[in-house]
Amino acid sequence: NPFFIAGKKAYEVERSLRFNDDDSAYLNRTPSSTSNRKTFTISWWFKIGNLGTARAFFGAYDNSTSGNDGYYFSCSLGNDNKLYFGAWNQNWRGTSRLFRDPSAWYHCVLAVDTTQSTADDRIKIYINGIQETSFSTTNNPSEDFDLGWNFNSQVHTIGRINYTSGTGPYPFDGYIAEFNSIDGSQLTPSSFGATDAITGQWNPKKYTGSYGTNGFYLNFSDNSGTTATTLGKDNSG
C-alpha cells in the first residue's frame, strides 16, 4: 500500500518491491568502477514478513574473498530481530531495538564516513528519523577504512547476500521501498523524510541532492518487466 505525507503537496510512495524468502529472486549490480568506499549513505523503507530468521536487506561481496572486512559488507535482520551492519569478521553495529512489527513501515538510514576522527561518528544509524544510540554490538572501522560498498570487485545485492556457502544468502522476506544509495556523502534523515507537524509521524520525502558516481535510486515504479530498465531501473537521473 502507498504511504505519504498528508497535505496538498504530498509525496506518495506508490510502489514497493516484495521479497519472498521461499524463492531466489533478488536484485544485483556490480559497479563498473570503484568510487567512495569510505563515505556513503543508504536510505530505505521496509516492512517485515517472516520473523525470527536471519535475512539480509543488502550487501556487497564477491563470494570468494573470505576473511577481509573490506570485501564483505552487509545489512541484515538477525534471528533475534535486531538490525545488524556487518563485515566479515565482526558486526560494526547491532541494535538494542527489536524489529518485530510486521504491520509497520520502518525507515532506516545508514550513514557512513570512516574519515571521521571520532570513531563512533564513522557509522550512524537512524530509524524513523531518530539516531540510534543504544546498541547490543558496537565496533568501529579504523579511520579511513575502505568498506565493500561502491567497490567494483564486489557484487552488490538487494534482498540477499551474494554468499552461497554455509548458511546461505539470507534471503529477505518482506517489502522494500524508496531505496537510495548516495555515494560520497554522510547524510542525515532530513534528506529523505520529515515529521508531520500534526501527527508527529515520520514520513518520506523525495531526495533532491547529488547521488555521486555509483549512487542510485530505486522506486520500483515500472513493473512491466524484471530487467534493469524496468523493475530495476535507476531513477536517480
C-alpha atoms as a PDB file:
ATOM      1  CA  ASN A   1       0.000   0.000   0.000  1.00  0.00           C
ATOM      2  CA  PRO A   2       1.221   3.548  -0.654  1.00  0.00           C
ATOM      3  CA  PHE A   3       2.280   5.784   2.196  1.00  0.00           C
ATOM      4  CA  PHE A   4       2.792   9.521   2.015  1.00  0.00           C
ATOM      5  CA  ILE A   5       2.927  12.909   3.706  1.00  0.00           C
ATOM      6  CA  ALA A   6      -0.533  14.345   4.218  1.00  0.00           C
ATOM      7  CA  GLY A   7      -1.214  17.718   2.677  1.00  0.00           C
ATOM      8  CA  LYS A   8      -1.622  19.490  -0.638  1.00  0.00           C
ATOM      9  CA  LYS A   9       1.905  18.678  -1.790  1.00  0.00           C
ATOM     10  CA  ALA A  10       2.023  15.087  -0.614  1.00  0.00           C
ATOM     11  CA  TYR A  11       4.930  12.892  -1.612  1.00  0.00           C
ATOM     12  CA  GLU A  12       3.407   9.498  -2.243  1.00  0.00           C
ATOM     13  CA  VAL A  13       5.435   6.322  -2.377  1.00  0.00           C
ATOM     14  CA  GLU A  14       3.439   4.443  -4.976  1.00  0.00           C
ATOM     15  CA  ARG A  15       5.274   1.138  -5.099  1.00  0.00           C
ATOM     16  CA  SER A  16       7.382  -1.220  -3.041  1.00  0.00           C
ATOM     17  CA  LEU A  17       9.112  -4.425  -4.045  1.00  0.00           C
ATOM     18  CA  ARG A  18       8.014  -7.662  -2.386  1.00  0.00           C
ATOM     19  CA  PHE A  19      10.644 -10.253  -1.498  1.00  0.00           C
ATOM     20  CA  ASN A  20       9.725 -13.858  -0.723  1.00  0.00           C
ATOM     21  CA  ASP A  21      12.370 -15.878   1.117  1.00  0.00           C
ATOM     22  CA  ASP A  22      10.962 -19.095  -0.378  1.00  0.00           C
ATOM     23  CA  ASP A  23      12.300 -18.190  -3.807  1.00  0.00           C
ATOM     24  CA  SER A  24      15.643 -16.950  -5.104  1.00  0.00           C
ATOM     25  CA  ALA A  25      14.674 -13.551  -6.540  1.00  0.00           C
ATOM     26  CA  TYR A  26      16.916 -10.610  -5.696  1.00  0.00           C
ATOM     27  CA  LEU A  27      18.498  -7.526  -7.283  1.00  0.00           C
ATOM     28  CA  ASN A  28      22.168  -7.328  -8.170  1.00  0.00           C
ATOM     29  CA  ARG A  29      24.683  -4.984  -9.750  1.00  0.00           C
ATOM     30  CA  THR A  30      28.465  -4.827  -9.953  1.00  0.00           C
ATOM     31  CA  PRO A  31      29.749  -1.234 -10.267  1.00  0.00           C
ATOM     32  CA  SER A  32      31.851  -0.627 -13.366  1.00  0.00           C
ATOM     33  CA  SER A  33      34.343   1.405 -11.336  1.00  0.00           C
ATOM     34  CA  THR A  34      35.267   1.859  -7.687  1.00  0.00           C
ATOM     35  CA  SER A  35      34.206   5.134  -6.086  1.00  0.00           C
ATOM     36  CA  ASN A  36      33.966   6.303  -2.467  1.00  0.00           C
ATOM     37  CA  ARG A  37      34.257   3.309  -0.135  1.00  0.00           C
ATOM     38  CA  LYS A  38      34.773   5.495   2.924  1.00  0.00           C
ATOM     39  CA  THR A  39      31.764   7.829   2.754  1.00  0.00           C
ATOM     40  CA  PHE A  40      28.235   6.925   1.665  1.00  0.00           C
ATOM     41  CA  THR A  41      24.612   6.879   2.809  1.00  0.00           C
ATOM     42  CA  ILE A  42      21.949   4.238   2.237  1.00  0.00           C
ATOM     43  CA  SER A  43      18.296   5.043   2.919  1.00  0.00           C
ATOM     44  CA  TRP A  44      15.371   2.666   2.538  1.00  0.00           C
ATOM     45  CA  TRP A  45      11.902   1.851   3.843  1.00  0.00           C
ATOM     46  CA  PHE A  46      10.984  -1.691   4.785  1.00  0.00           C
ATOM     47  CA  LYS A  47       8.173  -3.844   6.075  1.00  0.00           C
ATOM     48  CA  ILE A  48       8.964  -7.217   7.648  1.00  0.00           C
ATOM     49  CA  GLY A  49       7.496 -10.530   6.526  1.00  0.00           C
ATOM     50  CA  ASN A  50       8.866 -13.521   8.416  1.00  0.00           C
ATOM     51  CA  LEU A  51      10.240 -13.004  11.917  1.00  0.00           C
ATOM     52  CA  GLY A  52      12.930 -14.884  13.795  1.00  0.00           C
ATOM     53  CA  THR A  53      15.144 -15.877  10.869  1.00  0.00           C
ATOM     54  CA  ALA A  54      18.281 -14.127   9.604  1.00  0.00           C
ATOM     55  CA  ARG A  55      17.515 -12.136   6.459  1.00  0.00           C
ATOM     56  CA  ALA A  56      19.537  -9.600   4.526  1.00  0.00           C
ATOM     57  CA  PHE A  57      18.443  -6.231   3.180  1.00  0.00           C
ATOM     58  CA  PHE A  58      21.534  -5.703   1.044  1.00  0.00           C
ATOM     59  CA  GLY A  59      25.233  -6.352   0.843  1.00  0.00           C
ATOM     60  CA  ALA A  60      28.412  -6.371  -1.216  1.00  0.00           C
ATOM     61  CA  TYR A  61      30.543  -9.491  -1.636  1.00  0.00           C
ATOM     62  CA  ASP A  62      32.249 -11.470  -4.397  1.00  0.00           C
ATOM     63  CA  ASN A  63      31.524 -14.885  -2.795  1.00  0.00           C
ATOM     64  CA  SER A  64      35.208 -15.778  -2.718  1.00  0.00           C
ATOM     65  CA  THR A  65      37.340 -13.365  -0.656  1.00  0.00           C
ATOM     66  CA  SER A  66      36.772 -14.586   2.888  1.00  0.00           C
ATOM     67  CA  GLY A  67      38.297 -13.045   5.978  1.00  0.00           C
ATOM     68  CA  ASN A  68      38.534  -9.481   4.678  1.00  0.00           C
ATOM     69  CA  ASP A  69      36.375  -6.795   6.273  1.00  0.00           C
ATOM     70  CA  GLY A  70      36.891  -4.505   3.281  1.00  0.00           C
ATOM     71  CA  TYR A  71      35.424  -7.064   0.886  1.00  0.00           C
ATOM     72  CA  TYR A  72      32.273  -8.088   2.758  1.00  0.00           C
ATOM     73  CA  PHE A  73      29.554  -5.633   3.729  1.00  0.00           C
ATOM     74  CA  SER A  74      26.029  -6.482   4.798  1.00  0.00           C
ATOM     75  CA  CYS A  75      22.900  -5.129   6.401  1.00  0.00           C
ATOM     76  CA  SER A  76      20.520  -7.677   7.882  1.00  0.00           C
ATOM     77  CA  LEU A  77      17.962  -8.570  10.497  1.00  0.00           C
ATOM     78  CA  GLY A  78      19.226 -11.309  12.779  1.00  0.00           C
ATOM     79  CA  ASN A  79      17.487 -14.303  14.315  1.00  0.00           C
ATOM     80  CA  ASP A  80      16.983 -12.075  17.370  1.00  0.00           C
ATOM     81  CA  ASN A  81      15.111  -9.450  15.273  1.00  0.00           C
ATOM     82  CA  LYS A  82      17.871  -6.883  15.752  1.00  0.00           C
ATOM     83  CA  LEU A  83      19.324  -4.837  12.924  1.00  0.00           C
ATOM     84  CA  TYR A  84      22.978  -5.543  12.074  1.00  0.00           C
ATOM     85  CA  PHE A  85      25.558  -3.823   9.877  1.00  0.00           C
ATOM     86  CA  GLY A  86      28.492  -6.105   9.435  1.00  0.00           C
ATOM     87  CA  ALA A  87      31.771  -7.050   7.857  1.00  0.00           C
ATOM     88  CA  TRP A  88      33.388 -10.481   7.529  1.00  0.00           C
ATOM     89  CA  ASN A  89      34.971 -10.743  10.978  1.00  0.00           C
ATOM     90  CA  GLN A  90      32.565  -8.664  13.026  1.00  0.00           C
ATOM     91  CA  ASN A  91      29.406  -6.626  13.127  1.00  0.00           C
ATOM     92  CA  TRP A  92      30.027  -2.894  13.134  1.00  0.00           C
ATOM     93  CA  ARG A  93      26.657  -2.326  14.791  1.00  0.00           C
ATOM     94  CA  GLY A  94      23.855  -4.384  16.276  1.00  0.00           C
ATOM     95  CA  THR A  95      20.840  -2.516  17.604  1.00  0.00           C
ATOM     96  CA  SER A  96      19.320  -2.970  21.027  1.00  0.00           C
ATOM     97  CA  ARG A  97      15.982  -2.176  19.403  1.00  0.00           C
ATOM     98  CA  LEU A  98      13.937  -5.121  18.140  1.00  0.00           C
ATOM     99  CA  PHE A  99      12.157  -5.050  14.777  1.00  0.00           C
ATOM    100  CA  ARG A 100       9.170  -7.353  15.112  1.00  0.00           C
ATOM    101  CA  ASP A 101       6.073  -5.467  13.955  1.00  0.00           C
ATOM    102  CA  PRO A 102       5.011  -6.913  10.581  1.00  0.00           C
ATOM    103  CA  SER A 103       2.327  -4.237  10.165  1.00  0.00           C
ATOM    104  CA  ALA A 104       4.725  -1.269  10.368  1.00  0.00           C
ATOM    105  CA  TRP A 105       6.779   0.551   7.763  1.00  0.00           C
ATOM    106  CA  TYR A 106      10.238   1.377   9.101  1.00  0.00           C
ATOM    107  CA  HIS A 107      12.651   3.905   7.624  1.00  0.00           C
ATOM    108  CA  CYS A 108      16.358   3.284   8.075  1.00  0.00           C
ATOM    109  CA  VAL A 109      19.337   5.452   7.191  1.00  0.00           C
ATOM    110  CA  LEU A 110      22.855   4.045   7.329  1.00  0.00           C
ATOM    111  CA  ALA A 111      25.316   6.952   7.168  1.00  0.00           C
ATOM    112  CA  VAL A 112      29.000   6.055   6.873  1.00  0.00           C
ATOM    113  CA  ASP A 113      32.129   8.218   6.927  1.00  0.00           C
ATOM    114  CA  THR A 114      35.274   6.446   8.069  1.00  0.00           C
ATOM    115  CA  THR A 115      37.301   9.655   7.634  1.00  0.00           C
ATOM    116  CA  GLN A 116      35.746  10.979  10.868  1.00  0.00           C
ATOM    117  CA  SER A 117      38.298  11.325  13.679  1.00  0.00           C
ATOM    118  CA  THR A 118      35.674  10.432  16.305  1.00  0.00           C
ATOM    119  CA  ALA A 119      35.298   6.667  15.990  1.00  0.00           C
ATOM    120  CA  ASP A 120      31.606   6.489  16.928  1.00  0.00           C
ATOM    121  CA  ASP A 121      30.762   9.001  14.176  1.00  0.00           C
ATOM    122  CA  ARG A 122      32.017   6.716  11.416  1.00  0.00           C
ATOM    123  CA  ILE A 123      28.810   4.683  11.315  1.00  0.00           C
ATOM    124  CA  LYS A 124      25.484   6.286  12.190  1.00  0.00           C
ATOM    125  CA  ILE A 125      22.085   4.592  12.126  1.00  0.00           C
ATOM    126  CA  TYR A 126      18.754   6.380  12.116  1.00  0.00           C
ATOM    127  CA  ILE A 127      15.338   4.731  12.489  1.00  0.00           C
ATOM    128  CA  ASN A 128      12.258   6.759  11.581  1.00  0.00           C
ATOM    129  CA  GLY A 129      14.240   9.971  11.734  1.00  0.00           C
ATOM    130  CA  ILE A 130      15.918   9.385  15.116  1.00  0.00           C
ATOM    131  CA  GLN A 131      19.542   8.405  15.605  1.00  0.00           C
ATOM    132  CA  GLU A 132      20.095   5.082  17.340  1.00  0.00           C
ATOM    133  CA  THR A 133      22.320   5.412  20.406  1.00  0.00           C
ATOM    134  CA  SER A 134      21.738   2.069  22.148  1.00  0.00           C
ATOM    135  CA  PHE A 135      23.500  -0.934  20.660  1.00  0.00           C
ATOM    136  CA  SER A 136      23.946  -4.544  21.657  1.00  0.00           C
ATOM    137  CA  THR A 137      27.085  -4.626  19.497  1.00  0.00           C
ATOM    138  CA  THR A 138      29.406  -1.709  18.776  1.00  0.00           C
ATOM    139  CA  ASN A 139      32.579  -1.847  16.712  1.00  0.00           C
ATOM    140  CA  ASN A 140      34.155   0.902  14.665  1.00  0.00           C
ATOM    141  CA  PRO A 141      36.152   0.611  11.475  1.00  0.00           C
ATOM    142  CA  SER A 142      39.565   2.217  11.676  1.00  0.00           C
ATOM    143  CA  GLU A 143      39.949   5.761  10.385  1.00  0.00           C
ATOM    144  CA  ASP A 144      39.898   5.948   6.567  1.00  0.00           C
ATOM    145  CA  PHE A 145      38.954   2.268   6.298  1.00  0.00           C
ATOM    146  CA  ASP A 146      37.580   1.182   2.903  1.00  0.00           C
ATOM    147  CA  LEU A 147      34.329  -0.800   3.113  1.00  0.00           C
ATOM    148  CA  GLY A 148      32.908  -3.132   0.476  1.00  0.00           C
ATOM    149  CA  TRP A 149      30.185  -0.778  -0.799  1.00  0.00           C
ATOM    150  CA  ASN A 150      30.954   1.159  -4.015  1.00  0.00           C
ATOM    151  CA  PHE A 151      33.721  -1.371  -4.727  1.00  0.00           C
ATOM    152  CA  ASN A 152      33.751  -2.687  -8.282  1.00  0.00           C
ATOM    153  CA  SER A 153      35.234  -6.031  -7.218  1.00  0.00           C
ATOM    154  CA  GLN A 154      32.087  -6.901  -5.263  1.00  0.00           C
ATOM    155  CA  VAL A 155      28.613  -7.909  -6.414  1.00  0.00           C
ATOM    156  CA  HIS A 156      26.101  -5.532  -4.797  1.00  0.00           C
ATOM    157  CA  THR A 157      22.805  -7.196  -3.910  1.00  0.00           C
ATOM    158  CA  ILE A 158      19.425  -6.176  -2.506  1.00  0.00           C
ATOM    159  CA  GLY A 159      17.221  -8.873  -0.998  1.00  0.00           C
ATOM    160  CA  ARG A 160      20.064 -11.239  -0.090  1.00  0.00           C
ATOM    161  CA  ILE A 161      23.841 -11.512   0.283  1.00  0.00           C
ATOM    162  CA  ASN A 162      25.978 -12.844  -2.557  1.00  0.00           C
ATOM    163  CA  TYR A 163      27.171 -15.692  -0.322  1.00  0.00           C
ATOM    164  CA  THR A 164      26.353 -19.258  -1.259  1.00  0.00           C
ATOM    165  CA  SER A 165      28.309 -21.288   1.307  1.00  0.00           C
ATOM    166  CA  GLY A 166      27.453 -22.316   4.849  1.00  0.00           C
ATOM    167  CA  THR A 167      24.159 -20.837   5.999  1.00  0.00           C
ATOM    168  CA  GLY A 168      23.441 -19.321   2.616  1.00  0.00           C
ATOM    169  CA  PRO A 169      22.452 -15.925   1.224  1.00  0.00           C
ATOM    170  CA  TYR A 170      19.948 -14.918   3.978  1.00  0.00           C
ATOM    171  CA  PRO A 171      17.089 -14.036   1.588  1.00  0.00           C
ATOM    172  CA  PHE A 172      14.895 -11.180   2.733  1.00  0.00           C
ATOM    173  CA  ASP A 173      11.181 -11.651   3.330  1.00  0.00           C
ATOM    174  CA  GLY A 174       9.010  -8.533   3.232  1.00  0.00           C
ATOM    175  CA  TYR A 175       8.805  -5.237   1.365  1.00  0.00           C
ATOM    176  CA  ILE A 176      11.407  -2.626   0.447  1.00  0.00           C
ATOM    177  CA  ALA A 177      10.622   0.853  -0.915  1.00  0.00           C
ATOM    178  CA  GLU A 178      12.450   4.090  -1.756  1.00  0.00           C
ATOM    179  CA  PHE A 179      15.980   2.682  -1.867  1.00  0.00           C
ATOM    180  CA  ASN A 180      18.540   5.487  -2.121  1.00  0.00           C
ATOM    181  CA  SER A 181      22.290   4.915  -2.252  1.00  0.00           C
ATOM    182  CA  ILE A 182      24.310   8.138  -2.011  1.00  0.00           C
ATOM    183  CA  ASP A 183      27.959   7.937  -2.998  1.00  0.00           C
ATOM    184  CA  GLY A 184      30.335  10.359  -1.240  1.00  0.00           C
ATOM    185  CA  SER A 185      28.122  11.921   1.471  1.00  0.00           C
ATOM    186  CA  GLN A 186      27.243  11.059   5.063  1.00  0.00           C
ATOM    187  CA  LEU A 187      23.695  12.404   5.304  1.00  0.00           C
ATOM    188  CA  THR A 188      21.008  12.703   7.968  1.00  0.00           C
ATOM    189  CA  PRO A 189      17.384  11.529   7.705  1.00  0.00           C
ATOM    190  CA  SER A 190      16.204  15.051   6.861  1.00  0.00           C
ATOM    191  CA  SER A 191      17.372  14.400   3.294  1.00  0.00           C
ATOM    192  CA  PHE A 192      14.833  11.587   2.949  1.00  0.00           C
ATOM    193  CA  GLY A 193      11.957  12.301   5.325  1.00  0.00           C
ATOM    194  CA  ALA A 194      10.156  14.763   7.575  1.00  0.00           C
ATOM    195  CA  THR A 195       7.996  14.721  10.689  1.00  0.00           C
ATOM    196  CA  ASP A 196       4.312  15.565  10.257  1.00  0.00           C
ATOM    197  CA  ALA A 197       3.663  18.649  12.391  1.00  0.00           C
ATOM    198  CA  ILE A 198       0.189  17.442  13.371  1.00  0.00           C
ATOM    199  CA  THR A 199       0.580  13.699  13.885  1.00  0.00           C
ATOM    200  CA  GLY A 200       4.278  13.507  14.736  1.00  0.00           C
ATOM    201  CA  GLN A 201       4.637  10.674  12.234  1.00  0.00           C
ATOM    202  CA  TRP A 202       7.844  10.262  10.251  1.00  0.00           C
ATOM    203  CA  ASN A 203       7.051  10.363   6.531  1.00  0.00           C
ATOM    204  CA  PRO A 204       9.079  10.085   3.316  1.00  0.00           C
ATOM    205  CA  LYS A 205      10.087  12.953   1.097  1.00  0.00           C
ATOM    206  CA  LYS A 206      11.870  12.980  -2.232  1.00  0.00           C
ATOM    207  CA  TYR A 207      15.647  13.155  -2.079  1.00  0.00           C
ATOM    208  CA  THR A 208      16.889  16.049  -4.239  1.00  0.00           C
ATOM    209  CA  GLY A 209      20.653  16.008  -3.689  1.00  0.00           C
ATOM    210  CA  SER A 210      23.539  14.504  -5.619  1.00  0.00           C
ATOM    211  CA  TYR A 211      23.955  10.738  -5.963  1.00  0.00           C
ATOM    212  CA  GLY A 212      27.658  10.703  -6.792  1.00  0.00           C
ATOM    213  CA  THR A 213      29.453   8.261  -9.085  1.00  0.00           C
ATOM    214  CA  ASN A 214      27.876   4.951  -8.065  1.00  0.00           C
ATOM    215  CA  GLY A 215      24.768   6.253  -6.319  1.00  0.00           C
ATOM    216  CA  PHE A 216      21.318   5.116  -7.399  1.00  0.00           C
ATOM    217  CA  TYR A 217      17.622   5.403  -6.605  1.00  0.00           C
ATOM    218  CA  LEU A 218      15.130   2.555  -6.928  1.00  0.00           C
ATOM    219  CA  ASN A 219      11.406   3.293  -6.688  1.00  0.00           C
ATOM    220  CA  PHE A 220      10.236   0.129  -8.487  1.00  0.00           C
ATOM    221  CA  SER A 221       7.748   2.180 -10.492  1.00  0.00           C
ATOM    222  CA  ASP A 222       7.921   0.123 -13.700  1.00  0.00           C
ATOM    223  CA  ASN A 223       6.622  -3.398 -13.089  1.00  0.00           C
ATOM    224  CA  SER A 224       6.240  -4.230 -16.787  1.00  0.00           C
ATOM    225  CA  GLY A 225       9.292  -6.498 -16.567  1.00  0.00           C
ATOM    226  CA  THR A 226      12.115  -7.643 -14.309  1.00  0.00           C
ATOM    227  CA  THR A 227      15.104  -6.068 -16.027  1.00  0.00           C
ATOM    228  CA  ALA A 228      17.484  -3.205 -15.325  1.00  0.00           C
ATOM    229  CA  THR A 229      15.335  -0.937 -17.487  1.00  0.00           C
ATOM    230  CA  THR A 230      12.017  -1.828 -15.810  1.00  0.00           C
ATOM    231  CA  LEU A 231      11.684  -3.057 -12.231  1.00  0.00           C
ATOM    232  CA  GLY A 232      15.368  -2.472 -11.503  1.00  0.00           C
ATOM    233  CA  LYS A 233      15.623   0.887 -13.253  1.00  0.00           C
ATOM    234  CA  ASP A 234      17.803   3.528 -11.638  1.00  0.00           C
ATOM    235  CA  ASN A 235      15.671   6.673 -11.317  1.00  0.00           C
ATOM    236  CA  SER A 236      18.397   8.901  -9.853  1.00  0.00           C
ATOM    237  CA  GLY A 237      18.827  10.766 -13.150  1.00  0.00           C
END
